[in-house]
Amino acid sequence: GYEVEETDITRTELYTADEVWMTGTAAEISPVTVIDNREIGDGKPGKVAMAIKERFMDIVCGKVPEYADWIDYVN
């Protein structure tokens, strides 16, 4: 697992981050590679962001049985 901390950060911290991603209802998990025309990390989606996105998609698509109760299917 990953240790998570919710906190305010500065633009400088964003610019110098190894990885940045956004999350939300519509965005789900969206890696960010450029902010204010500045490349983040190596300019590609990072390993952590992609691992979280993959796990999230598996859960919301019903592929992870232990989270089956998170899903309400609509017919």
PDB file of N, CA and C in Angstrom:
ATOM      1  N   GLY A   1       0.818  -1.186   0.000  1.00  0.00           N
ATOM      2  CA  GLY A   1       0.000   0.000   0.000  1.00  0.00           C
ATOM      3  C   GLY A   1       0.862   1.249   0.000  1.00  0.00           C
ATOM      4  N   TYR A   2       0.180   2.347  -0.076  1.00  0.00           N
ATOM      5  CA  TYR A   2       0.832   3.653  -0.103  1.00  0.00           C
ATOM      6  C   TYR A   2       0.394   4.468   1.098  1.00  0.00           C
ATOM      7  N   GLU A   3       1.311   5.216   1.665  1.00  0.00           N
ATOM      8  CA  GLU A   3       0.953   6.160   2.718  1.00  0.00           C
ATOM      9  C   GLU A   3       0.390   7.403   2.043  1.00  0.00           C
ATOM     10  N   VAL A   4      -0.749   7.877   2.516  1.00  0.00           N
ATOM     11  CA  VAL A   4      -1.432   9.011   1.891  1.00  0.00           C
ATOM     12  C   VAL A   4      -1.553  10.149   2.891  1.00  0.00           C
ATOM     13  N   GLU A   5      -1.323  11.356   2.401  1.00  0.00           N
ATOM     14  CA  GLU A   5      -1.481  12.555   3.220  1.00  0.00           C
ATOM     15  C   GLU A   5      -2.212  13.590   2.391  1.00  0.00           C
ATOM     16  N   GLU A   6      -3.272  14.154   2.938  1.00  0.00           N
ATOM     17  CA  GLU A   6      -3.990  15.225   2.255  1.00  0.00           C
ATOM     18  C   GLU A   6      -3.519  16.549   2.833  1.00  0.00           C
ATOM     19  N   THR A   7      -2.949  17.397   1.983  1.00  0.00           N
ATOM     20  CA  THR A   7      -2.402  18.671   2.448  1.00  0.00           C
ATOM     21  C   THR A   7      -2.341  19.654   1.283  1.00  0.00           C
ATOM     22  N   ASP A   8      -2.287  20.925   1.605  1.00  0.00           N
ATOM     23  CA  ASP A   8      -2.084  21.947   0.579  1.00  0.00           C
ATOM     24  C   ASP A   8      -0.616  21.928   0.168  1.00  0.00           C
ATOM     25  N   ILE A   9      -0.359  22.158  -1.121  1.00  0.00           N
ATOM     26  CA  ILE A   9       1.020  22.236  -1.608  1.00  0.00           C
ATOM     27  C   ILE A   9       1.183  23.476  -2.478  1.00  0.00           C
ATOM     28  N   THR A  10       2.421  23.867  -2.681  1.00  0.00           N
ATOM     29  CA  THR A  10       2.711  25.048  -3.493  1.00  0.00           C
ATOM     30  C   THR A  10       2.875  24.653  -4.958  1.00  0.00           C
ATOM     31  N   ARG A  11       2.840  25.652  -5.818  1.00  0.00           N
ATOM     32  CA  ARG A  11       3.096  25.402  -7.240  1.00  0.00           C
ATOM     33  C   ARG A  11       4.497  24.823  -7.433  1.00  0.00           C
ATOM     34  N   THR A  12       5.457  25.322  -6.670  1.00  0.00           N
ATOM     35  CA  THR A  12       6.824  24.810  -6.775  1.00  0.00           C
ATOM     36  C   THR A  12       6.863  23.316  -6.477  1.00  0.00           C
ATOM     37  N   GLU A  13       6.120  22.891  -5.462  1.00  0.00           N
ATOM     38  CA  GLU A  13       6.069  21.458  -5.151  1.00  0.00           C
ATOM     39  C   GLU A  13       5.454  20.669  -6.305  1.00  0.00           C
ATOM     40  N   LEU A  14       4.451  21.238  -6.959  1.00  0.00           N
ATOM     41  CA  LEU A  14       3.881  20.579  -8.141  1.00  0.00           C
ATOM     42  C   LEU A  14       4.921  20.469  -9.249  1.00  0.00           C
ATOM     43  N   TYR A  15       5.604  21.580  -9.520  1.00  0.00           N
ATOM     44  CA  TYR A  15       6.588  21.610 -10.602  1.00  0.00           C
ATOM     45  C   TYR A  15       7.729  20.623 -10.379  1.00  0.00           C
ATOM     46  N   THR A  16       8.089  20.382  -9.135  1.00  0.00           N
ATOM     47  CA  THR A  16       9.243  19.524  -8.847  1.00  0.00           C
ATOM     48  C   THR A  16       8.851  18.100  -8.442  1.00  0.00           C
ATOM     49  N   ALA A  17       7.569  17.802  -8.509  1.00  0.00           N
ATOM     50  CA  ALA A  17       7.095  16.465  -8.128  1.00  0.00           C
ATOM     51  C   ALA A  17       7.565  15.405  -9.118  1.00  0.00           C
ATOM     52  N   ASP A  18       7.761  14.194  -8.628  1.00  0.00           N
ATOM     53  CA  ASP A  18       8.069  13.065  -9.506  1.00  0.00           C
ATOM     54  C   ASP A  18       6.843  12.684 -10.322  1.00  0.00           C
ATOM     55  N   GLU A  19       5.663  12.772  -9.692  1.00  0.00           N
ATOM     56  CA  GLU A  19       4.404  12.425 -10.344  1.00  0.00           C
ATOM     57  C   GLU A  19       3.305  13.341  -9.833  1.00  0.00           C
ATOM     58  N   VAL A  20       2.337  13.593 -10.700  1.00  0.00           N
ATOM     59  CA  VAL A  20       1.131  14.327 -10.321  1.00  0.00           C
ATOM     60  C   VAL A  20      -0.035  13.640 -11.006  1.00  0.00           C
ATOM     61  N   TRP A  21      -1.141  13.518 -10.276  1.00  0.00           N
ATOM     62  CA  TRP A  21      -2.363  13.052 -10.917  1.00  0.00           C
ATOM     63  C   TRP A  21      -3.541  13.748 -10.278  1.00  0.00           C
ATOM     64  N   MET A  22      -4.641  13.759 -11.017  1.00  0.00           N
ATOM     65  CA  MET A  22      -5.883  14.337 -10.525  1.00  0.00           C
ATOM     66  C   MET A  22      -6.871  13.203 -10.340  1.00  0.00           C
ATOM     67  N   THR A  23      -7.804  13.419  -9.447  1.00  0.00           N
ATOM     68  CA  THR A  23      -8.851  12.432  -9.245  1.00  0.00           C
ATOM     69  C   THR A  23     -10.173  13.145  -9.020  1.00  0.00           C
ATOM     70  N   GLY A  24     -11.228  12.506  -9.442  1.00  0.00           N
ATOM     71  CA  GLY A  24     -12.564  13.064  -9.276  1.00  0.00           C
ATOM     72  C   GLY A  24     -13.575  12.139  -9.917  1.00  0.00           C
ATOM     73  N   THR A  25     -14.840  12.465  -9.777  1.00  0.00           N
ATOM     74  CA  THR A  25     -15.897  11.608 -10.301  1.00  0.00           C
ATOM     75  C   THR A  25     -15.728  11.371 -11.794  1.00  0.00           C
ATOM     76  N   ALA A  26     -15.569  12.418 -12.566  1.00  0.00           N
ATOM     77  CA  ALA A  26     -15.428  12.264 -14.016  1.00  0.00           C
ATOM     78  C   ALA A  26     -13.991  11.948 -14.419  1.00  0.00           C
ATOM     79  N   ALA A  27     -13.029  12.513 -13.708  1.00  0.00           N
ATOM     80  CA  ALA A  27     -11.619  12.325 -14.066  1.00  0.00           C
ATOM     81  C   ALA A  27     -11.104  10.944 -13.680  1.00  0.00           C
ATOM     82  N   GLU A  28     -11.774  10.307 -12.713  1.00  0.00           N
ATOM     83  CA  GLU A  28     -11.310   9.043 -12.147  1.00  0.00           C
ATOM     84  C   GLU A  28      -9.875   9.227 -11.653  1.00  0.00           C
ATOM     85  N   ILE A  29      -8.894   8.608 -12.274  1.00  0.00           N
ATOM     86  CA  ILE A  29      -7.486   8.836 -11.942  1.00  0.00           C
ATOM     87  C   ILE A  29      -6.816   9.286 -13.237  1.00  0.00           C
ATOM     88  N   SER A  30      -6.381  10.533 -13.280  1.00  0.00           N
ATOM     89  CA  SER A  30      -5.807  11.090 -14.505  1.00  0.00           C
ATOM     90  C   SER A  30      -4.394  11.605 -14.253  1.00  0.00           C
ATOM     91  N   PRO A  31      -3.380  10.892 -14.769  1.00  0.00           N
ATOM     92  CA  PRO A  31      -2.007  11.377 -14.632  1.00  0.00           C
ATOM     93  C   PRO A  31      -1.836  12.738 -15.316  1.00  0.00           C
ATOM     94  N   VAL A  32      -1.044  13.598 -14.705  1.00  0.00           N
ATOM     95  CA  VAL A  32      -0.745  14.924 -15.249  1.00  0.00           C
ATOM     96  C   VAL A  32       0.736  14.938 -15.604  1.00  0.00           C
ATOM     97  N   THR A  33       1.058  15.307 -16.836  1.00  0.00           N
ATOM     98  CA  THR A  33       2.457  15.311 -17.268  1.00  0.00           C
ATOM     99  C   THR A  33       3.013  16.715 -17.504  1.00  0.00           C
ATOM    100  N   VAL A  34       2.134  17.719 -17.588  1.00  0.00           N
ATOM    101  CA  VAL A  34       2.565  19.103 -17.810  1.00  0.00           C
ATOM    102  C   VAL A  34       1.683  20.033 -16.983  1.00  0.00           C
ATOM    103  N   ILE A  35       2.306  20.985 -16.287  1.00  0.00           N
ATOM    104  CA  ILE A  35       1.587  22.028 -15.555  1.00  0.00           C
ATOM    105  C   ILE A  35       2.238  23.354 -15.909  1.00  0.00           C
ATOM    106  N   ASP A  36       1.436  24.301 -16.372  1.00  0.00           N
ATOM    107  CA  ASP A  36       1.955  25.622 -16.747  1.00  0.00           C
ATOM    108  C   ASP A  36       3.133  25.500 -17.718  1.00  0.00           C
ATOM    109  N   ASN A  37       2.998  24.630 -18.700  1.00  0.00           N
ATOM    110  CA  ASN A  37       4.033  24.389 -19.712  1.00  0.00           C
ATOM    111  C   ASN A  37       5.329  23.826 -19.132  1.00  0.00           C
ATOM    112  N   ARG A  38       5.262  23.264 -17.942  1.00  0.00           N
ATOM    113  CA  ARG A  38       6.433  22.640 -17.308  1.00  0.00           C
ATOM    114  C   ARG A  38       6.197  21.138 -17.246  1.00  0.00           C
ATOM    115  N   GLU A  39       7.161  20.400 -17.732  1.00  0.00           N
ATOM    116  CA  GLU A  39       7.075  18.948 -17.709  1.00  0.00           C
ATOM    117  C   GLU A  39       7.212  18.438 -16.276  1.00  0.00           C
ATOM    118  N   ILE A  40       6.347  17.513 -15.907  1.00  0.00           N
ATOM    119  CA  ILE A  40       6.391  16.914 -14.577  1.00  0.00           C
ATOM    120  C   ILE A  40       7.158  15.600 -14.669  1.00  0.00           C
ATOM    121  N   GLY A  41       8.115  15.410 -13.768  1.00  0.00           N
ATOM    122  CA  GLY A  41       8.929  14.191 -13.797  1.00  0.00           C
ATOM    123  C   GLY A  41       9.611  14.047 -15.139  1.00  0.00           C
ATOM    124  N   ASP A  42       9.446  12.866 -15.753  1.00  0.00           N
ATOM    125  CA  ASP A  42      10.048  12.641 -17.070  1.00  0.00           C
ATOM    126  C   ASP A  42       9.074  12.927 -18.205  1.00  0.00           C
ATOM    127  N   GLY A  43       7.941  13.562 -17.880  1.00  0.00           N
ATOM    128  CA  GLY A  43       6.970  13.934 -18.904  1.00  0.00           C
ATOM    129  C   GLY A  43       6.027  12.813 -19.304  1.00  0.00           C
ATOM    130  N   LYS A  44       6.094  11.699 -18.591  1.00  0.00           N
ATOM    131  CA  LYS A  44       5.224  10.552 -18.873  1.00  0.00           C
ATOM    132  C   LYS A  44       4.438  10.218 -17.610  1.00  0.00           C
ATOM    133  N   PRO A  45       3.260   9.585 -17.755  1.00  0.00           N
ATOM    134  CA  PRO A  45       2.543   9.148 -16.551  1.00  0.00           C
ATOM    135  C   PRO A  45       3.446   8.264 -15.698  1.00  0.00           C
ATOM    136  N   GLY A  46       3.450   8.508 -14.395  1.00  0.00           N
ATOM    137  CA  GLY A  46       4.333   7.775 -13.489  1.00  0.00           C
ATOM    138  C   GLY A  46       3.828   6.396 -13.118  1.00  0.00           C
ATOM    139  N   LYS A  47       4.736   5.587 -12.576  1.00  0.00           N
ATOM    140  CA  LYS A  47       4.413   4.204 -12.198  1.00  0.00           C
ATOM    141  C   LYS A  47       3.351   4.136 -11.107  1.00  0.00           C
ATOM    142  N   VAL A  48       3.438   5.016 -10.116  1.00  0.00           N
ATOM    143  CA  VAL A  48       2.466   4.986  -9.019  1.00  0.00           C
ATOM    144  C   VAL A  48       1.084   5.375  -9.535  1.00  0.00           C
ATOM    145  N   ALA A  49       1.014   6.460 -10.292  1.00  0.00           N
ATOM    146  CA  ALA A  49      -0.274   6.898 -10.841  1.00  0.00           C
ATOM    147  C   ALA A  49      -0.903   5.809 -11.699  1.00  0.00           C
ATOM    148  N   MET A  50      -0.103   5.175 -12.520  1.00  0.00           N
ATOM    149  CA  MET A  50      -0.642   4.140 -13.400  1.00  0.00           C
ATOM    150  C   MET A  50      -1.068   2.903 -12.611  1.00  0.00           C
ATOM    151  N   ALA A  51      -0.338   2.560 -11.554  1.00  0.00           N
ATOM    152  CA  ALA A  51      -0.725   1.417 -10.719  1.00  0.00           C
ATOM    153  C   ALA A  51      -2.039   1.703 -10.003  1.00  0.00           C
ATOM    154  N   ILE A  52      -2.188   2.919  -9.484  1.00  0.00           N
ATOM    155  CA  ILE A  52      -3.432   3.292  -8.809  1.00  0.00           C
ATOM    156  C   ILE A  52      -4.581   3.321  -9.810  1.00  0.00           C
ATOM    157  N   LYS A  53      -4.336   3.878 -10.984  1.00  0.00           N
ATOM    158  CA  LYS A  53      -5.383   3.930 -12.012  1.00  0.00           C
ATOM    159  C   LYS A  53      -5.818   2.521 -12.410  1.00  0.00           C
ATOM    160  N   GLU A  54      -4.866   1.627 -12.615  1.00  0.00           N
ATOM    161  CA  GLU A  54      -5.193   0.254 -13.010  1.00  0.00           C
ATOM    162  C   GLU A  54      -6.016  -0.442 -11.924  1.00  0.00           C
ATOM    163  N   ARG A  55      -5.602  -0.289 -10.678  1.00  0.00           N
ATOM    164  CA  ARG A  55      -6.338  -0.912  -9.566  1.00  0.00           C
ATOM    165  C   ARG A  55      -7.744  -0.330  -9.459  1.00  0.00           C
ATOM    166  N   PHE A  56      -7.853   0.984  -9.567  1.00  0.00           N
ATOM    167  CA  PHE A  56      -9.151   1.651  -9.520  1.00  0.00           C
ATOM    168  C   PHE A  56     -10.067   1.129 -10.620  1.00  0.00           C
ATOM    169  N   MET A  57      -9.544   1.042 -11.846  1.00  0.00           N
ATOM    170  CA  MET A  57     -10.365   0.574 -12.965  1.00  0.00           C
ATOM    171  C   MET A  57     -10.795  -0.877 -12.760  1.00  0.00           C
ATOM    172  N   ASP A  58      -9.906  -1.708 -12.240  1.00  0.00           N
ATOM    173  CA  ASP A  58     -10.284  -3.095 -11.938  1.00  0.00           C
ATOM    174  C   ASP A  58     -11.420  -3.133 -10.920  1.00  0.00           C
ATOM    175  N   ILE A  59     -11.358  -2.289  -9.916  1.00  0.00           N
ATOM    176  CA  ILE A  59     -12.402  -2.258  -8.884  1.00  0.00           C
ATOM    177  C   ILE A  59     -13.727  -1.795  -9.469  1.00  0.00           C
ATOM    178  N   VAL A  60     -13.729  -0.664 -10.185  1.00  0.00           N
ATOM    179  CA  VAL A  60     -15.000  -0.133 -10.689  1.00  0.00           C
ATOM    180  C   VAL A  60     -15.581  -0.968 -11.825  1.00  0.00           C
ATOM    181  N   CYS A  61     -14.762  -1.799 -12.446  1.00  0.00           N
ATOM    182  CA  CYS A  61     -15.263  -2.696 -13.500  1.00  0.00           C
ATOM    183  C   CYS A  61     -15.669  -4.059 -12.941  1.00  0.00           C
ATOM    184  N   GLY A  62     -15.643  -4.204 -11.613  1.00  0.00           N
ATOM    185  CA  GLY A  62     -16.107  -5.428 -10.979  1.00  0.00           C
ATOM    186  C   GLY A  62     -15.140  -6.591 -11.034  1.00  0.00           C
ATOM    187  N   LYS A  63     -13.857  -6.332 -11.241  1.00  0.00           N
ATOM    188  CA  LYS A  63     -12.857  -7.397 -11.359  1.00  0.00           C
ATOM    189  C   LYS A  63     -12.192  -7.764 -10.034  1.00  0.00           C
ATOM    190  N   VAL A  64     -12.548  -7.063  -8.957  1.00  0.00           N
ATOM    191  CA  VAL A  64     -11.927  -7.315  -7.655  1.00  0.00           C
ATOM    192  C   VAL A  64     -13.039  -7.705  -6.677  1.00  0.00           C
ATOM    193  N   PRO A  65     -13.206  -9.004  -6.431  1.00  0.00           N
ATOM    194  CA  PRO A  65     -14.335  -9.490  -5.631  1.00  0.00           C
ATOM    195  C   PRO A  65     -14.485  -8.831  -4.258  1.00  0.00           C
ATOM    196  N   GLU A  66     -13.381  -8.518  -3.582  1.00  0.00           N
ATOM    197  CA  GLU A  66     -13.517  -7.946  -2.241  1.00  0.00           C
ATOM    198  C   GLU A  66     -14.131  -6.547  -2.236  1.00  0.00           C
ATOM    199  N   TYR A  67     -14.245  -5.911  -3.408  1.00  0.00           N
ATOM    200  CA  TYR A  67     -14.883  -4.599  -3.502  1.00  0.00           C
ATOM    201  C   TYR A  67     -16.199  -4.657  -4.265  1.00  0.00           C
ATOM    202  N   ALA A  68     -16.755  -5.830  -4.440  1.00  0.00           N
ATOM    203  CA  ALA A  68     -17.998  -5.997  -5.194  1.00  0.00           C
ATOM    204  C   ALA A  68     -19.140  -5.178  -4.588  1.00  0.00           C
ATOM    205  N   ASP A  69     -19.130  -4.985  -3.272  1.00  0.00           N
ATOM    206  CA  ASP A  69     -20.213  -4.229  -2.636  1.00  0.00           C
ATOM    207  C   ASP A  69     -20.110  -2.719  -2.883  1.00  0.00           C
ATOM    208  N   TRP A  70     -19.053  -2.263  -3.530  1.00  0.00           N
ATOM    209  CA  TRP A  70     -18.925  -0.855  -3.898  1.00  0.00           C
ATOM    210  C   TRP A  70     -19.722  -0.531  -5.158  1.00  0.00           C
ATOM    211  N   ILE A  71     -20.150  -1.561  -5.877  1.00  0.00           N
ATOM    212  CA  ILE A  71     -20.731  -1.375  -7.206  1.00  0.00           C
ATOM    213  C   ILE A  71     -22.239  -1.585  -7.172  1.00  0.00           C
ATOM    214  N   ASP A  72     -22.961  -0.661  -7.794  1.00  0.00           N
ATOM    215  CA  ASP A  72     -24.395  -0.814  -8.025  1.00  0.00           C
ATOM    216  C   ASP A  72     -24.585  -0.892  -9.532  1.00  0.00           C
ATOM    217  N   TYR A  73     -24.956  -2.056 -10.015  1.00  0.00           N
ATOM    218  CA  TYR A  73     -25.153  -2.244 -11.447  1.00  0.00           C
ATOM    219  C   TYR A  73     -26.486  -1.642 -11.872  1.00  0.00           C
ATOM    220  N   VAL A  74     -26.493  -1.003 -13.020  1.00  0.00           N
ATOM    221  CA  VAL A  74     -27.701  -0.404 -13.579  1.00  0.00           C
ATOM    222  C   VAL A  74     -28.078  -1.202 -14.813  1.00  0.00           C
ATOM    223  N   ASN A  75     -29.305  -1.671 -14.834  1.00  0.00           N
ATOM    224  CA  ASN A  75     -29.788  -2.448 -15.995  1.00  0.00           C
ATOM    225  C   ASN A  75     -30.629  -1.589 -16.901  1.00  0.00           C
TER     226      ASN A  75
END
